[in-house]
Amino acid sequence: MSFNVVYAIVKAGGRQEKVSVGDVVVVDKLADEIGSSIELQPLMLVDGDAVTTDKDGLSKVSVKAEVIDATKGPKISIVKFKNKTGYRKRQGHRQKQSVIKITEIA
């Protein structure tokens, strides 16, 4: 039994993600609007037994995705406290994120 597995390692939102066609990935916020199509930079392509990592081979590869949604990540609580002085400071943060769906690896 041999399966023709096609996936790529792409640079998306400052990180590297392993994606294949149909995957939904959450990345750091992208400037693109919801519904727009974007192209991600491939770093490695695996097509069955063939692995492509060289720059010449990757220049021919395109990984296309569609921006589905813009969300916020989980809330992070930041608490500063100093003993015996009465100093307390609370702060929260929610990172903005984009949800993308991989449409094509060619």
PDB file of N, CA and C in Angstrom:
ATOM      1  N   MET A   1       0.839  -1.179   0.000  1.00  0.00           N
ATOM      2  CA  MET A   1       0.000   0.000   0.000  1.00  0.00           C
ATOM      3  C   MET A   1       0.880   1.237   0.000  1.00  0.00           C
ATOM      4  N   SER A   2       0.735   2.063  -1.005  1.00  0.00           N
ATOM      5  CA  SER A   2       1.478   3.318  -1.024  1.00  0.00           C
ATOM      6  C   SER A   2       0.496   4.466  -1.130  1.00  0.00           C
ATOM      7  N   PHE A   3       0.729   5.468  -0.326  1.00  0.00           N
ATOM      8  CA  PHE A   3      -0.108   6.654  -0.329  1.00  0.00           C
ATOM      9  C   PHE A   3       0.692   7.805  -0.908  1.00  0.00           C
ATOM     10  N   ASN A   4       0.065   8.599  -1.751  1.00  0.00           N
ATOM     11  CA  ASN A   4       0.725   9.767  -2.299  1.00  0.00           C
ATOM     12  C   ASN A   4       0.400  10.953  -1.406  1.00  0.00           C
ATOM     13  N   VAL A   5       1.201  11.131  -0.378  1.00  0.00           N
ATOM     14  CA  VAL A   5       0.992  12.198   0.592  1.00  0.00           C
ATOM     15  C   VAL A   5       1.680  13.459   0.084  1.00  0.00           C
ATOM     16  N   VAL A   6       0.928  14.556   0.005  1.00  0.00           N
ATOM     17  CA  VAL A   6       1.482  15.829  -0.416  1.00  0.00           C
ATOM     18  C   VAL A   6       1.259  16.830   0.714  1.00  0.00           C
ATOM     19  N   TYR A   7       2.372  17.349   1.250  1.00  0.00           N
ATOM     20  CA  TYR A   7       2.265  18.420   2.232  1.00  0.00           C
ATOM     21  C   TYR A   7       3.472  19.331   2.094  1.00  0.00           C
ATOM     22  N   ALA A   8       3.355  20.505   2.695  1.00  0.00           N
ATOM     23  CA  ALA A   8       4.434  21.486   2.605  1.00  0.00           C
ATOM     24  C   ALA A   8       4.661  22.111   3.972  1.00  0.00           C
ATOM     25  N   ILE A   9       5.886  22.519   4.204  1.00  0.00           N
ATOM     26  CA  ILE A   9       6.223  23.330   5.362  1.00  0.00           C
ATOM     27  C   ILE A   9       6.304  24.758   4.847  1.00  0.00           C
ATOM     28  N   VAL A  10       5.462  25.645   5.399  1.00  0.00           N
ATOM     29  CA  VAL A  10       5.412  27.024   4.921  1.00  0.00           C
ATOM     30  C   VAL A  10       5.718  27.985   6.057  1.00  0.00           C
ATOM     31  N   LYS A  11       6.148  29.169   5.682  1.00  0.00           N
ATOM     32  CA  LYS A  11       6.380  30.235   6.648  1.00  0.00           C
ATOM     33  C   LYS A  11       5.116  31.084   6.674  1.00  0.00           C
ATOM     34  N   ALA A  12       4.441  31.085   7.830  1.00  0.00           N
ATOM     35  CA  ALA A  12       3.167  31.802   7.936  1.00  0.00           C
ATOM     36  C   ALA A  12       3.089  32.504   9.287  1.00  0.00           C
ATOM     37  N   GLY A  13       3.003  33.805   9.267  1.00  0.00           N
ATOM     38  CA  GLY A  13       2.831  34.551  10.503  1.00  0.00           C
ATOM     39  C   GLY A  13       4.005  34.453  11.445  1.00  0.00           C
ATOM     40  N   GLY A  14       5.223  34.389  10.920  1.00  0.00           N
ATOM     41  CA  GLY A  14       6.404  34.337  11.772  1.00  0.00           C
ATOM     42  C   GLY A  14       6.764  32.948  12.265  1.00  0.00           C
ATOM     43  N   ARG A  15       5.990  31.953  11.911  1.00  0.00           N
ATOM     44  CA  ARG A  15       6.273  30.578  12.332  1.00  0.00           C
ATOM     45  C   ARG A  15       6.254  29.663  11.120  1.00  0.00           C
ATOM     46  N   GLN A  16       6.690  28.431  11.339  1.00  0.00           N
ATOM     47  CA  GLN A  16       6.619  27.430  10.289  1.00  0.00           C
ATOM     48  C   GLN A  16       5.463  26.488  10.590  1.00  0.00           C
ATOM     49  N   GLU A  17       4.663  26.196   9.576  1.00  0.00           N
ATOM     50  CA  GLU A  17       3.490  25.327   9.732  1.00  0.00           C
ATOM     51  C   GLU A  17       3.547  24.212   8.697  1.00  0.00           C
ATOM     52  N   LYS A  18       3.113  23.017   9.106  1.00  0.00           N
ATOM     53  CA  LYS A  18       2.987  21.895   8.182  1.00  0.00           C
ATOM     54  C   LYS A  18       1.551  21.906   7.672  1.00  0.00           C
ATOM     55  N   VAL A  19       1.377  22.048   6.345  1.00  0.00           N
ATOM     56  CA  VAL A  19       0.035  22.190   5.775  1.00  0.00           C
ATOM     57  C   VAL A  19      -0.138  21.247   4.589  1.00  0.00           C
ATOM     58  N   SER A  20      -1.380  20.852   4.376  1.00  0.00           N
ATOM     59  CA  SER A  20      -1.771  20.135   3.168  1.00  0.00           C
ATOM     60  C   SER A  20      -3.087  20.735   2.701  1.00  0.00           C
ATOM     61  N   VAL A  21      -3.535  20.357   1.527  1.00  0.00           N
ATOM     62  CA  VAL A  21      -4.739  20.952   0.951  1.00  0.00           C
ATOM     63  C   VAL A  21      -5.945  20.645   1.838  1.00  0.00           C
ATOM     64  N   GLY A  22      -6.715  21.679   2.168  1.00  0.00           N
ATOM     65  CA  GLY A  22      -7.908  21.531   2.996  1.00  0.00           C
ATOM     66  C   GLY A  22      -7.679  21.829   4.467  1.00  0.00           C
ATOM     67  N   ASP A  23      -6.427  21.984   4.889  1.00  0.00           N
ATOM     68  CA  ASP A  23      -6.139  22.279   6.298  1.00  0.00           C
ATOM     69  C   ASP A  23      -6.562  23.700   6.653  1.00  0.00           C
ATOM     70  N   VAL A  24      -7.027  23.864   7.882  1.00  0.00           N
ATOM     71  CA  VAL A  24      -7.354  25.177   8.425  1.00  0.00           C
ATOM     72  C   VAL A  24      -6.311  25.484   9.497  1.00  0.00           C
ATOM     73  N   VAL A  25      -5.609  26.612   9.336  1.00  0.00           N
ATOM     74  CA  VAL A  25      -4.490  26.957  10.195  1.00  0.00           C
ATOM     75  C   VAL A  25      -4.738  28.331  10.817  1.00  0.00           C
ATOM     76  N   VAL A  26      -4.398  28.468  12.099  1.00  0.00           N
ATOM     77  CA  VAL A  26      -4.495  29.747  12.796  1.00  0.00           C
ATOM     78  C   VAL A  26      -3.090  30.334  12.882  1.00  0.00           C
ATOM     79  N   VAL A  27      -2.920  31.546  12.313  1.00  0.00           N
ATOM     80  CA  VAL A  27      -1.620  32.220  12.300  1.00  0.00           C
ATOM     81  C   VAL A  27      -1.778  33.620  12.878  1.00  0.00           C
ATOM     82  N   ASP A  28      -0.647  34.290  13.118  1.00  0.00           N
ATOM     83  CA  ASP A  28      -0.697  35.677  13.570  1.00  0.00           C
ATOM     84  C   ASP A  28      -1.430  36.525  12.527  1.00  0.00           C
ATOM     85  N   LYS A  29      -1.952  37.670  12.967  1.00  0.00           N
ATOM     86  CA  LYS A  29      -2.808  38.498  12.117  1.00  0.00           C
ATOM     87  C   LYS A  29      -2.125  38.874  10.811  1.00  0.00           C
ATOM     88  N   LEU A  30      -2.861  38.680   9.717  1.00  0.00           N
ATOM     89  CA  LEU A  30      -2.412  39.069   8.393  1.00  0.00           C
ATOM     90  C   LEU A  30      -3.159  40.333   7.979  1.00  0.00           C
ATOM     91  N   ALA A  31      -2.547  41.156   7.152  1.00  0.00           N
ATOM     92  CA  ALA A  31      -3.153  42.420   6.738  1.00  0.00           C
ATOM     93  C   ALA A  31      -4.256  42.224   5.698  1.00  0.00           C
ATOM     94  N   ASP A  32      -4.384  41.028   5.153  1.00  0.00           N
ATOM     95  CA  ASP A  32      -5.365  40.764   4.099  1.00  0.00           C
ATOM     96  C   ASP A  32      -6.779  40.697   4.655  1.00  0.00           C
ATOM     97  N   GLU A  33      -7.749  40.997   3.800  1.00  0.00           N
ATOM     98  CA  GLU A  33      -9.155  40.984   4.195  1.00  0.00           C
ATOM     99  C   GLU A  33      -9.713  39.568   4.160  1.00  0.00           C
ATOM    100  N   ILE A  34     -10.848  39.389   4.861  1.00  0.00           N
ATOM    101  CA  ILE A  34     -11.518  38.092   4.877  1.00  0.00           C
ATOM    102  C   ILE A  34     -12.031  37.785   3.473  1.00  0.00           C
ATOM    103  N   GLY A  35     -11.765  36.563   3.008  1.00  0.00           N
ATOM    104  CA  GLY A  35     -12.187  36.143   1.680  1.00  0.00           C
ATOM    105  C   GLY A  35     -11.114  36.322   0.619  1.00  0.00           C
ATOM    106  N   SER A  36     -10.033  37.020   0.948  1.00  0.00           N
ATOM    107  CA  SER A  36      -8.978  37.230  -0.036  1.00  0.00           C
ATOM    108  C   SER A  36      -8.057  36.014  -0.103  1.00  0.00           C
ATOM    109  N   SER A  37      -7.385  35.884  -1.225  1.00  0.00           N
ATOM    110  CA  SER A  37      -6.470  34.776  -1.446  1.00  0.00           C
ATOM    111  C   SER A  37      -5.040  35.258  -1.219  1.00  0.00           C
ATOM    112  N   ILE A  38      -4.235  34.445  -0.536  1.00  0.00           N
ATOM    113  CA  ILE A  38      -2.847  34.795  -0.267  1.00  0.00           C
ATOM    114  C   ILE A  38      -1.947  33.660  -0.717  1.00  0.00           C
ATOM    115  N   GLU A  39      -0.672  33.969  -0.887  1.00  0.00           N
ATOM    116  CA  GLU A  39       0.303  32.948  -1.247  1.00  0.00           C
ATOM    117  C   GLU A  39       1.344  32.879  -0.142  1.00  0.00           C
ATOM    118  N   LEU A  40       1.618  31.673   0.343  1.00  0.00           N
ATOM    119  CA  LEU A  40       2.563  31.462   1.431  1.00  0.00           C
ATOM    120  C   LEU A  40       3.906  30.995   0.880  1.00  0.00           C
ATOM    121  N   GLN A  41       4.967  31.334   1.590  1.00  0.00           N
ATOM    122  CA  GLN A  41       6.314  30.974   1.166  1.00  0.00           C
ATOM    123  C   GLN A  41       6.636  29.540   1.589  1.00  0.00           C
ATOM    124  N   PRO A  42       6.849  28.628   0.620  1.00  0.00           N
ATOM    125  CA  PRO A  42       7.193  27.247   0.985  1.00  0.00           C
ATOM    126  C   PRO A  42       8.661  27.112   1.377  1.00  0.00           C
ATOM    127  N   LEU A  43       8.917  26.300   2.399  1.00  0.00           N
ATOM    128  CA  LEU A  43      10.280  26.009   2.832  1.00  0.00           C
ATOM    129  C   LEU A  43      10.673  24.580   2.497  1.00  0.00           C
ATOM    130  N   MET A  44       9.656  23.696   2.385  1.00  0.00           N
ATOM    131  CA  MET A  44       9.904  22.297   2.040  1.00  0.00           C
ATOM    132  C   MET A  44       8.622  21.727   1.448  1.00  0.00           C
ATOM    133  N   LEU A  45       8.763  20.840   0.470  1.00  0.00           N
ATOM    134  CA  LEU A  45       7.623  20.185  -0.151  1.00  0.00           C
ATOM    135  C   LEU A  45       7.866  18.689  -0.167  1.00  0.00           C
ATOM    136  N   VAL A  46       6.871  17.931   0.321  1.00  0.00           N
ATOM    137  CA  VAL A  46       6.936  16.471   0.298  1.00  0.00           C
ATOM    138  C   VAL A  46       5.806  15.989  -0.594  1.00  0.00           C
ATOM    139  N   ASP A  47       6.179  15.301  -1.688  1.00  0.00           N
ATOM    140  CA  ASP A  47       5.209  14.762  -2.639  1.00  0.00           C
ATOM    141  C   ASP A  47       5.500  13.275  -2.798  1.00  0.00           C
ATOM    142  N   GLY A  48       4.831  12.471  -1.951  1.00  0.00           N
ATOM    143  CA  GLY A  48       5.097  11.038  -1.958  1.00  0.00           C
ATOM    144  C   GLY A  48       6.492  10.769  -1.424  1.00  0.00           C
ATOM    145  N   ASP A  49       7.371  10.223  -2.274  1.00  0.00           N
ATOM    146  CA  ASP A  49       8.745   9.946  -1.868  1.00  0.00           C
ATOM    147  C   ASP A  49       9.694  11.092  -2.212  1.00  0.00           C
ATOM    148  N   ALA A  50       9.242  12.056  -3.012  1.00  0.00           N
ATOM    149  CA  ALA A  50      10.103  13.165  -3.431  1.00  0.00           C
ATOM    150  C   ALA A  50      10.031  14.303  -2.416  1.00  0.00           C
ATOM    151  N   VAL A  51      11.204  14.704  -1.916  1.00  0.00           N
ATOM    152  CA  VAL A  51      11.292  15.811  -0.961  1.00  0.00           C
ATOM    153  C   VAL A  51      12.076  16.942  -1.627  1.00  0.00           C
ATOM    154  N   THR A  52      11.463  18.132  -1.682  1.00  0.00           N
ATOM    155  CA  THR A  52      12.105  19.277  -2.313  1.00  0.00           C
ATOM    156  C   THR A  52      12.440  20.314  -1.257  1.00  0.00           C
ATOM    157  N   THR A  53      13.729  20.660  -1.145  1.00  0.00           N
ATOM    158  CA  THR A  53      14.151  21.677  -0.189  1.00  0.00           C
ATOM    159  C   THR A  53      15.040  22.741  -0.816  1.00  0.00           C
ATOM    160  N   ASP A  54      15.515  22.515  -2.043  1.00  0.00           N
ATOM    161  CA  ASP A  54      16.420  23.489  -2.653  1.00  0.00           C
ATOM    162  C   ASP A  54      15.649  24.690  -3.197  1.00  0.00           C
ATOM    163  N   LYS A  55      16.350  25.808  -3.289  1.00  0.00           N
ATOM    164  CA  LYS A  55      15.720  27.071  -3.678  1.00  0.00           C
ATOM    165  C   LYS A  55      15.170  27.037  -5.099  1.00  0.00           C
ATOM    166  N   ASP A  56      15.875  26.381  -6.019  1.00  0.00           N
ATOM    167  CA  ASP A  56      15.426  26.316  -7.412  1.00  0.00           C
ATOM    168  C   ASP A  56      14.122  25.530  -7.535  1.00  0.00           C
ATOM    169  N   GLY A  57      14.032  24.421  -6.833  1.00  0.00           N
ATOM    170  CA  GLY A  57      12.810  23.606  -6.875  1.00  0.00           C
ATOM    171  C   GLY A  57      11.635  24.281  -6.195  1.00  0.00           C
ATOM    172  N   LEU A  58      11.914  25.003  -5.103  1.00  0.00           N
ATOM    173  CA  LEU A  58      10.834  25.669  -4.367  1.00  0.00           C
ATOM    174  C   LEU A  58      10.335  26.925  -5.065  1.00  0.00           C
ATOM    175  N   SER A  59      11.132  27.488  -5.970  1.00  0.00           N
ATOM    176  CA  SER A  59      10.668  28.670  -6.691  1.00  0.00           C
ATOM    177  C   SER A  59       9.515  28.333  -7.632  1.00  0.00           C
ATOM    178  N   LYS A  60       9.405  27.066  -8.021  1.00  0.00           N
ATOM    179  CA  LYS A  60       8.313  26.616  -8.900  1.00  0.00           C
ATOM    180  C   LYS A  60       7.058  26.231  -8.116  1.00  0.00           C
ATOM    181  N   VAL A  61       7.188  26.086  -6.796  1.00  0.00           N
ATOM    182  CA  VAL A  61       6.072  25.644  -5.955  1.00  0.00           C
ATOM    183  C   VAL A  61       5.299  26.846  -5.438  1.00  0.00           C
ATOM    184  N   SER A  62       3.973  26.758  -5.473  1.00  0.00           N
ATOM    185  CA  SER A  62       3.147  27.815  -4.884  1.00  0.00           C
ATOM    186  C   SER A  62       2.135  27.179  -3.926  1.00  0.00           C
ATOM    187  N   VAL A  63       2.018  27.779  -2.763  1.00  0.00           N
ATOM    188  CA  VAL A  63       1.046  27.340  -1.763  1.00  0.00           C
ATOM    189  C   VAL A  63       0.054  28.479  -1.588  1.00  0.00           C
ATOM    190  N   LYS A  64      -1.194  28.237  -1.981  1.00  0.00           N
ATOM    191  CA  LYS A  64      -2.216  29.280  -1.924  1.00  0.00           C
ATOM    192  C   LYS A  64      -3.198  28.979  -0.802  1.00  0.00           C
ATOM    193  N   ALA A  65      -3.650  30.056  -0.151  1.00  0.00           N
ATOM    194  CA  ALA A  65      -4.589  29.927   0.959  1.00  0.00           C
ATOM    195  C   ALA A  65      -5.614  31.038   0.875  1.00  0.00           C
ATOM    196  N   GLU A  66      -6.721  30.838   1.579  1.00  0.00           N
ATOM    197  CA  GLU A  66      -7.793  31.829   1.631  1.00  0.00           C
ATOM    198  C   GLU A  66      -8.000  32.230   3.078  1.00  0.00           C
ATOM    199  N   VAL A  67      -8.122  33.535   3.324  1.00  0.00           N
ATOM    200  CA  VAL A  67      -8.361  34.041   4.672  1.00  0.00           C
ATOM    201  C   VAL A  67      -9.829  33.832   4.993  1.00  0.00           C
ATOM    202  N   ILE A  68     -10.108  33.043   6.039  1.00  0.00           N
ATOM    203  CA  ILE A  68     -11.483  32.703   6.402  1.00  0.00           C
ATOM    204  C   ILE A  68     -12.035  33.656   7.452  1.00  0.00           C
ATOM    205  N   ASP A  69     -11.230  33.944   8.485  1.00  0.00           N
ATOM    206  CA  ASP A  69     -11.754  34.693   9.631  1.00  0.00           C
ATOM    207  C   ASP A  69     -10.625  35.431  10.334  1.00  0.00           C
ATOM    208  N   ALA A  70     -10.997  36.441  11.099  1.00  0.00           N
ATOM    209  CA  ALA A  70     -10.054  37.158  11.961  1.00  0.00           C
ATOM    210  C   ALA A  70     -10.563  37.002  13.390  1.00  0.00           C
ATOM    211  N   THR A  71      -9.734  36.448  14.268  1.00  0.00           N
ATOM    212  CA  THR A  71     -10.154  36.171  15.644  1.00  0.00           C
ATOM    213  C   THR A  71      -9.135  36.724  16.623  1.00  0.00           C
ATOM    214  N   LYS A  72      -9.404  36.498  17.901  1.00  0.00           N
ATOM    215  CA  LYS A  72      -8.457  36.830  18.955  1.00  0.00           C
ATOM    216  C   LYS A  72      -8.091  35.551  19.692  1.00  0.00           C
ATOM    217  N   GLY A  73      -6.872  35.488  20.169  1.00  0.00           N
ATOM    218  CA  GLY A  73      -6.393  34.330  20.899  1.00  0.00           C
ATOM    219  C   GLY A  73      -6.899  34.340  22.327  1.00  0.00           C
ATOM    220  N   PRO A  74      -6.441  33.396  23.130  1.00  0.00           N
ATOM    221  CA  PRO A  74      -6.872  33.348  24.531  1.00  0.00           C
ATOM    222  C   PRO A  74      -6.302  34.522  25.319  1.00  0.00           C
ATOM    223  N   LYS A  75      -6.997  34.892  26.389  1.00  0.00           N
ATOM    224  CA  LYS A  75      -6.548  36.005  27.204  1.00  0.00           C
ATOM    225  C   LYS A  75      -5.353  35.586  28.050  1.00  0.00           C
ATOM    226  N   ILE A  76      -4.347  36.445  28.068  1.00  0.00           N
ATOM    227  CA  ILE A  76      -3.161  36.229  28.879  1.00  0.00           C
ATOM    228  C   ILE A  76      -3.177  37.252  30.001  1.00  0.00           C
ATOM    229  N   SER A  77      -3.098  36.782  31.245  1.00  0.00           N
ATOM    230  CA  SER A  77      -3.083  37.682  32.397  1.00  0.00           C
ATOM    231  C   SER A  77      -1.648  38.004  32.776  1.00  0.00           C
ATOM    232  N   ILE A  78      -1.378  39.290  32.917  1.00  0.00           N
ATOM    233  CA  ILE A  78      -0.054  39.748  33.322  1.00  0.00           C
ATOM    234  C   ILE A  78      -0.216  40.389  34.693  1.00  0.00           C
ATOM    235  N   VAL A  79       0.433  39.835  35.697  1.00  0.00           N
ATOM    236  CA  VAL A  79       0.311  40.317  37.072  1.00  0.00           C
ATOM    237  C   VAL A  79       1.705  40.654  37.586  1.00  0.00           C
ATOM    238  N   LYS A  80       1.849  41.892  38.094  1.00  0.00           N
ATOM    239  CA  LYS A  80       3.101  42.305  38.725  1.00  0.00           C
ATOM    240  C   LYS A  80       2.813  42.556  40.198  1.00  0.00           C
ATOM    241  N   PHE A  81       3.685  42.083  41.068  1.00  0.00           N
ATOM    242  CA  PHE A  81       3.471  42.200  42.500  1.00  0.00           C
ATOM    243  C   PHE A  81       4.806  42.363  43.200  1.00  0.00           C
ATOM    244  N   LYS A  82       4.861  43.317  44.119  1.00  0.00           N
ATOM    245  CA  LYS A  82       6.056  43.475  44.957  1.00  0.00           C
ATOM    246  C   LYS A  82       5.637  43.345  46.408  1.00  0.00           C
ATOM    247  N   ASN A  83       6.326  42.486  47.101  1.00  0.00           N
ATOM    248  CA  ASN A  83       5.994  42.166  48.482  1.00  0.00           C
ATOM    249  C   ASN A  83       6.242  43.379  49.407  1.00  0.00           C
ATOM    250  N   LYS A  84       5.370  43.558  50.394  1.00  0.00           N
ATOM    251  CA  LYS A  84       5.508  44.529  51.484  1.00  0.00           C
ATOM    252  C   LYS A  84       5.443  45.993  51.065  1.00  0.00           C
ATOM    253  N   THR A  85       5.119  46.277  49.801  1.00  0.00           N
ATOM    254  CA  THR A  85       5.041  47.676  49.376  1.00  0.00           C
ATOM    255  C   THR A  85       3.642  48.065  48.939  1.00  0.00           C
ATOM    256  N   GLY A  86       2.755  47.096  48.774  1.00  0.00           N
ATOM    257  CA  GLY A  86       1.398  47.384  48.313  1.00  0.00           C
ATOM    258  C   GLY A  86       1.313  47.592  46.812  1.00  0.00           C
ATOM    259  N   TYR A  87       2.345  47.215  46.078  1.00  0.00           N
ATOM    260  CA  TYR A  87       2.365  47.408  44.625  1.00  0.00           C
ATOM    261  C   TYR A  87       1.779  46.184  43.933  1.00  0.00           C
ATOM    262  N   ARG A  88       0.687  46.424  43.223  1.00  0.00           N
ATOM    263  CA  ARG A  88       0.060  45.378  42.405  1.00  0.00           C
ATOM    264  C   ARG A  88      -0.347  46.003  41.086  1.00  0.00           C
ATOM    265  N   LYS A  89      -0.135  45.271  40.011  1.00  0.00           N
ATOM    266  CA  LYS A  89      -0.544  45.766  38.703  1.00  0.00           C
ATOM    267  C   LYS A  89      -1.065  44.590  37.896  1.00  0.00           C
ATOM    268  N   ARG A  90      -2.255  44.754  37.318  1.00  0.00           N
ATOM    269  CA  ARG A  90      -2.850  43.707  36.491  1.00  0.00           C
ATOM    270  C   ARG A  90      -3.025  44.238  35.089  1.00  0.00           C
ATOM    271  N   GLN A  91      -2.758  43.368  34.119  1.00  0.00           N
ATOM    272  CA  GLN A  91      -2.900  43.742  32.722  1.00  0.00           C
ATOM    273  C   GLN A  91      -3.281  42.488  31.951  1.00  0.00           C
ATOM    274  N   GLY A  92      -4.049  42.641  30.891  1.00  0.00           N
ATOM    275  CA  GLY A  92      -4.436  41.514  30.057  1.00  0.00           C
ATOM    276  C   GLY A  92      -4.072  41.763  28.606  1.00  0.00           C
ATOM    277  N   HIS A  93      -4.003  40.686  27.826  1.00  0.00           N
ATOM    278  CA  HIS A  93      -3.659  40.803  26.415  1.00  0.00           C
ATOM    279  C   HIS A  93      -4.314  39.664  25.639  1.00  0.00           C
ATOM    280  N   ARG A  94      -4.835  39.992  24.463  1.00  0.00           N
ATOM    281  CA  ARG A  94      -5.349  38.977  23.537  1.00  0.00           C
ATOM    282  C   ARG A  94      -4.740  39.244  22.172  1.00  0.00           C
ATOM    283  N   GLN A  95      -3.980  38.278  21.661  1.00  0.00           N
ATOM    284  CA  GLN A  95      -3.306  38.417  20.379  1.00  0.00           C
ATOM    285  C   GLN A  95      -4.306  38.291  19.243  1.00  0.00           C
ATOM    286  N   LYS A  96      -4.203  39.156  18.238  1.00  0.00           N
ATOM    287  CA  LYS A  96      -5.068  39.069  17.063  1.00  0.00           C
ATOM    288  C   LYS A  96      -4.521  37.991  16.135  1.00  0.00           C
ATOM    289  N   GLN A  97      -5.434  37.181  15.574  1.00  0.00           N
ATOM    290  CA  GLN A  97      -5.048  36.053  14.743  1.00  0.00           C
ATOM    291  C   GLN A  97      -5.891  36.017  13.479  1.00  0.00           C
ATOM    292  N   SER A  98      -5.398  35.336  12.478  1.00  0.00           N
ATOM    293  CA  SER A  98      -6.135  35.086  11.241  1.00  0.00           C
ATOM    294  C   SER A  98      -6.292  33.590  11.066  1.00  0.00           C
ATOM    295  N   VAL A  99      -7.449  33.179  10.577  1.00  0.00           N
ATOM    296  CA  VAL A  99      -7.716  31.767  10.279  1.00  0.00           C
ATOM    297  C   VAL A  99      -7.664  31.624   8.761  1.00  0.00           C
ATOM    298  N   ILE A 100      -6.780  30.743   8.285  1.00  0.00           N
ATOM    299  CA  ILE A 100      -6.646  30.547   6.841  1.00  0.00           C
ATOM    300  C   ILE A 100      -6.881  29.091   6.486  1.00  0.00           C
ATOM    301  N   LYS A 101      -7.368  28.893   5.246  1.00  0.00           N
ATOM    302  CA  LYS A 101      -7.603  27.539   4.738  1.00  0.00           C
ATOM    303  C   LYS A 101      -6.733  27.355   3.501  1.00  0.00           C
ATOM    304  N   ILE A 102      -5.970  26.266   3.470  1.00  0.00           N
ATOM    305  CA  ILE A 102      -5.073  25.975   2.360  1.00  0.00           C
ATOM    306  C   ILE A 102      -5.919  25.446   1.191  1.00  0.00           C
ATOM    307  N   THR A 103      -5.821  26.118   0.040  1.00  0.00           N
ATOM    308  CA  THR A 103      -6.643  25.747  -1.113  1.00  0.00           C
ATOM    309  C   THR A 103      -5.872  24.996  -2.187  1.00  0.00           C
ATOM    310  N   GLU A 104      -4.559  25.257  -2.287  1.00  0.00           N
ATOM    311  CA  GLU A 104      -3.813  24.643  -3.394  1.00  0.00           C
ATOM    312  C   GLU A 104      -2.326  24.541  -3.048  1.00  0.00           C
ATOM    313  N   ILE A 105      -1.740  23.404  -3.402  1.00  0.00           N
ATOM    314  CA  ILE A 105      -0.292  23.228  -3.383  1.00  0.00           C
ATOM    315  C   ILE A 105       0.095  22.731  -4.770  1.00  0.00           C
ATOM    316  N   ALA A 106       0.785  23.596  -5.498  1.00  0.00           N
ATOM    317  CA  ALA A 106       1.135  23.226  -6.877  1.00  0.00           C
ATOM    318  C   ALA A 106       2.587  23.549  -7.168  1.00  0.00           C
TER     319      ALA A 106
END
